[in-house]
């Protein structure tokens, strides 16, 4: 499913970049592009993007990002928790755990984490 989603997102973004090319080849500013797509969904965009289903594409982009983070988290878990080195990350386990402990202790005592999702 992740590969299917990735393929759909890449194909759609490549189509969009033909209409709105990046200032620097092969380095699109995704924040600017997504803002343009938000505007396109409101009807203020280049005519060639009028058939774009941005809400569906946005959902797929978010899913693709989540899947990438989950993959990296899985790799870290295999190396740090299970002490398997199949991915060759070359992490110093003790240092990694010390940093993780320090970071979570800091957050536990000083931070409030909020999240907002709007559709």
C-alpha atoms as a PDB file:
ATOM      1  CA  UNK A   1       0.000   0.000   0.000  1.00  0.00           C
ATOM      2  CA  UNK A   2       2.838   2.402   0.845  1.00  0.00           C
ATOM      3  CA  UNK A   3       4.444   1.859  -2.555  1.00  0.00           C
ATOM      4  CA  UNK A   4       1.119   2.426  -4.343  1.00  0.00           C
ATOM      5  CA  UNK A   5       0.560   5.652  -2.384  1.00  0.00           C
ATOM      6  CA  UNK A   6       4.115   6.844  -3.095  1.00  0.00           C
ATOM      7  CA  UNK A   7       3.727   6.171  -6.809  1.00  0.00           C
ATOM      8  CA  UNK A   8       0.428   8.092  -6.971  1.00  0.00           C
ATOM      9  CA  UNK A   9       1.881  11.065  -5.085  1.00  0.00           C
ATOM     10  CA  UNK A  10       5.026  11.198  -7.226  1.00  0.00           C
ATOM     11  CA  UNK A  11       3.019  11.007 -10.463  1.00  0.00           C
ATOM     12  CA  UNK A  12       0.630  13.753  -9.359  1.00  0.00           C
ATOM     13  CA  UNK A  13       3.391  16.049  -8.078  1.00  0.00           C
ATOM     14  CA  UNK A  14       5.360  15.567 -11.318  1.00  0.00           C
ATOM     15  CA  UNK A  15       2.233  16.579 -13.262  1.00  0.00           C
ATOM     16  CA  UNK A  16       1.797  19.657 -11.052  1.00  0.00           C
ATOM     17  CA  UNK A  17       5.457  20.650 -11.446  1.00  0.00           C
ATOM     18  CA  UNK A  18       4.996  20.707 -15.231  1.00  0.00           C
ATOM     19  CA  UNK A  19       2.377  23.416 -14.734  1.00  0.00           C
ATOM     20  CA  UNK A  20       4.188  25.221 -11.905  1.00  0.00           C
ATOM     21  CA  UNK A  21       7.904  24.461 -12.333  1.00  0.00           C
ATOM     22  CA  UNK A  22      10.252  25.066  -9.386  1.00  0.00           C
ATOM     23  CA  UNK A  23      12.616  28.031  -9.396  1.00  0.00           C
ATOM     24  CA  UNK A  24      15.508  25.586  -9.088  1.00  0.00           C
ATOM     25  CA  UNK A  25      15.326  22.397 -11.161  1.00  0.00           C
ATOM     26  CA  UNK A  26      14.635  19.263  -9.125  1.00  0.00           C
ATOM     27  CA  UNK A  27      14.312  21.262  -5.866  1.00  0.00           C
ATOM     28  CA  UNK A  28      10.689  22.305  -5.496  1.00  0.00           C
ATOM     29  CA  UNK A  29       9.704  24.341  -2.456  1.00  0.00           C
ATOM     30  CA  UNK A  30       7.019  22.011  -1.114  1.00  0.00           C
ATOM     31  CA  UNK A  31       5.632  24.555   1.341  1.00  0.00           C
ATOM     32  CA  UNK A  32       5.020  27.036  -1.479  1.00  0.00           C
ATOM     33  CA  UNK A  33       3.652  24.292  -3.709  1.00  0.00           C
ATOM     34  CA  UNK A  34       1.203  23.072  -1.054  1.00  0.00           C
ATOM     35  CA  UNK A  35       0.058  26.649  -0.421  1.00  0.00           C
ATOM     36  CA  UNK A  36      -0.625  26.994  -4.150  1.00  0.00           C
ATOM     37  CA  UNK A  37      -2.579  23.737  -4.054  1.00  0.00           C
ATOM     38  CA  UNK A  38      -4.609  24.978  -1.078  1.00  0.00           C
ATOM     39  CA  UNK A  39      -5.460  28.033  -3.160  1.00  0.00           C
ATOM     40  CA  UNK A  40      -6.239  25.817  -6.162  1.00  0.00           C
ATOM     41  CA  UNK A  41      -8.782  23.914  -4.094  1.00  0.00           C
ATOM     42  CA  UNK A  42     -10.487  27.271  -3.476  1.00  0.00           C
ATOM     43  CA  UNK A  43     -10.611  27.972  -7.212  1.00  0.00           C
ATOM     44  CA  UNK A  44      -7.708  30.425  -7.525  1.00  0.00           C
ATOM     45  CA  UNK A  45      -5.097  28.506  -9.449  1.00  0.00           C
ATOM     46  CA  UNK A  46      -3.725  27.936 -12.914  1.00  0.00           C
ATOM     47  CA  UNK A  47      -6.404  26.452 -15.158  1.00  0.00           C
ATOM     48  CA  UNK A  48      -4.284  23.369 -15.777  1.00  0.00           C
ATOM     49  CA  UNK A  49      -4.702  22.462 -12.085  1.00  0.00           C
ATOM     50  CA  UNK A  50      -8.484  22.807 -12.048  1.00  0.00           C
ATOM     51  CA  UNK A  51      -9.001  19.029 -12.221  1.00  0.00           C
ATOM     52  CA  UNK A  52      -6.698  18.370  -9.263  1.00  0.00           C
ATOM     53  CA  UNK A  53      -8.162  16.536  -6.253  1.00  0.00           C
ATOM     54  CA  UNK A  54      -5.950  18.303  -3.689  1.00  0.00           C
ATOM     55  CA  UNK A  55      -7.785  17.013  -0.590  1.00  0.00           C
ATOM     56  CA  UNK A  56      -7.132  13.416  -1.696  1.00  0.00           C
ATOM     57  CA  UNK A  57      -3.554  14.188  -2.706  1.00  0.00           C
ATOM     58  CA  UNK A  58      -2.914  16.022   0.603  1.00  0.00           C
ATOM     59  CA  UNK A  59      -4.197  12.973   2.487  1.00  0.00           C
ATOM     60  CA  UNK A  60      -1.844  10.755   0.475  1.00  0.00           C
ATOM     61  CA  UNK A  61       1.124  13.088   1.074  1.00  0.00           C
ATOM     62  CA  UNK A  62       0.466  13.015   4.828  1.00  0.00           C
ATOM     63  CA  UNK A  63       0.188   9.225   4.715  1.00  0.00           C
ATOM     64  CA  UNK A  64       3.424   8.968   2.762  1.00  0.00           C
ATOM     65  CA  UNK A  65       5.242  11.144   5.318  1.00  0.00           C
ATOM     66  CA  UNK A  66       3.830   9.080   8.196  1.00  0.00           C
ATOM     67  CA  UNK A  67       4.908   5.844   6.511  1.00  0.00           C
ATOM     68  CA  UNK A  68       8.441   7.202   6.019  1.00  0.00           C
ATOM     69  CA  UNK A  69       8.685   8.132   9.705  1.00  0.00           C
ATOM     70  CA  UNK A  70       7.354   4.701  10.691  1.00  0.00           C
ATOM     71  CA  UNK A  71       9.960   3.002   8.498  1.00  0.00           C
ATOM     72  CA  UNK A  72      12.771   4.989  10.118  1.00  0.00           C
ATOM     73  CA  UNK A  73      11.341   4.277  13.572  1.00  0.00           C
ATOM     74  CA  UNK A  74      11.254   0.558  12.735  1.00  0.00           C
ATOM     75  CA  UNK A  75      14.891   0.639  11.658  1.00  0.00           C
ATOM     76  CA  UNK A  76      15.890   2.440  14.870  1.00  0.00           C
ATOM     77  CA  UNK A  77      13.941  -0.070  16.950  1.00  0.00           C
ATOM     78  CA  UNK A  78      15.604  -3.035  15.261  1.00  0.00           C
ATOM     79  CA  UNK A  79      19.054  -1.576  15.874  1.00  0.00           C
ATOM     80  CA  UNK A  80      18.629  -0.038  19.339  1.00  0.00           C
ATOM     81  CA  UNK A  81      16.017  -2.164  21.096  1.00  0.00           C
ATOM     82  CA  UNK A  82      16.594  -5.540  19.455  1.00  0.00           C
ATOM     83  CA  UNK A  83      20.295  -4.938  18.824  1.00  0.00           C
ATOM     84  CA  UNK A  84      20.019  -6.209  15.258  1.00  0.00           C
ATOM     85  CA  UNK A  85      22.247  -4.498  12.738  1.00  0.00           C
ATOM     86  CA  UNK A  86      20.509  -5.529   9.528  1.00  0.00           C
ATOM     87  CA  UNK A  87      20.210  -1.923   8.360  1.00  0.00           C
ATOM     88  CA  UNK A  88      23.782  -0.924   9.131  1.00  0.00           C
ATOM     89  CA  UNK A  89      22.899   2.333  10.877  1.00  0.00           C
ATOM     90  CA  UNK A  90      26.083   2.158  12.933  1.00  0.00           C
ATOM     91  CA  UNK A  91      24.526   3.717  16.022  1.00  0.00           C
ATOM     92  CA  UNK A  92      26.239   3.818  19.400  1.00  0.00           C
ATOM     93  CA  UNK A  93      23.438   2.198  21.419  1.00  0.00           C
ATOM     94  CA  UNK A  94      24.496   3.604  24.803  1.00  0.00           C
ATOM     95  CA  UNK A  95      24.819   7.131  23.453  1.00  0.00           C
ATOM     96  CA  UNK A  96      21.514   6.857  21.605  1.00  0.00           C
ATOM     97  CA  UNK A  97      19.710   5.694  24.754  1.00  0.00           C
ATOM     98  CA  UNK A  98      21.340   8.437  26.850  1.00  0.00           C
ATOM     99  CA  UNK A  99      20.240  11.132  24.392  1.00  0.00           C
ATOM    100  CA  UNK A 100      16.743   9.655  24.187  1.00  0.00           C
ATOM    101  CA  UNK A 101      16.509   9.583  28.001  1.00  0.00           C
ATOM    102  CA  UNK A 102      17.735  13.178  28.313  1.00  0.00           C
ATOM    103  CA  UNK A 103      15.311  14.386  25.639  1.00  0.00           C
ATOM    104  CA  UNK A 104      12.270  12.626  27.106  1.00  0.00           C
ATOM    105  CA  UNK A 105      13.177  13.853  30.600  1.00  0.00           C
ATOM    106  CA  UNK A 106      13.376  17.399  29.261  1.00  0.00           C
ATOM    107  CA  UNK A 107      10.013  17.087  27.544  1.00  0.00           C
ATOM    108  CA  UNK A 108       8.394  15.426  30.523  1.00  0.00           C
ATOM    109  CA  UNK A 109       9.225  18.373  32.785  1.00  0.00           C
ATOM    110  CA  UNK A 110       9.057  21.403  30.515  1.00  0.00           C
ATOM    111  CA  UNK A 111       7.004  20.938  27.411  1.00  0.00           C
ATOM    112  CA  UNK A 112       3.449  20.652  26.283  1.00  0.00           C
ATOM    113  CA  UNK A 113       3.025  18.968  22.938  1.00  0.00           C
ATOM    114  CA  UNK A 114      -0.058  19.858  20.954  1.00  0.00           C
ATOM    115  CA  UNK A 115      -1.277  18.683  17.620  1.00  0.00           C
ATOM    116  CA  UNK A 116      -3.864  20.101  15.275  1.00  0.00           C
ATOM    117  CA  UNK A 117      -5.282  18.407  12.253  1.00  0.00           C
ATOM    118  CA  UNK A 118      -7.736  20.256  10.052  1.00  0.00           C
ATOM    119  CA  UNK A 119      -9.371  18.789   7.004  1.00  0.00           C
END
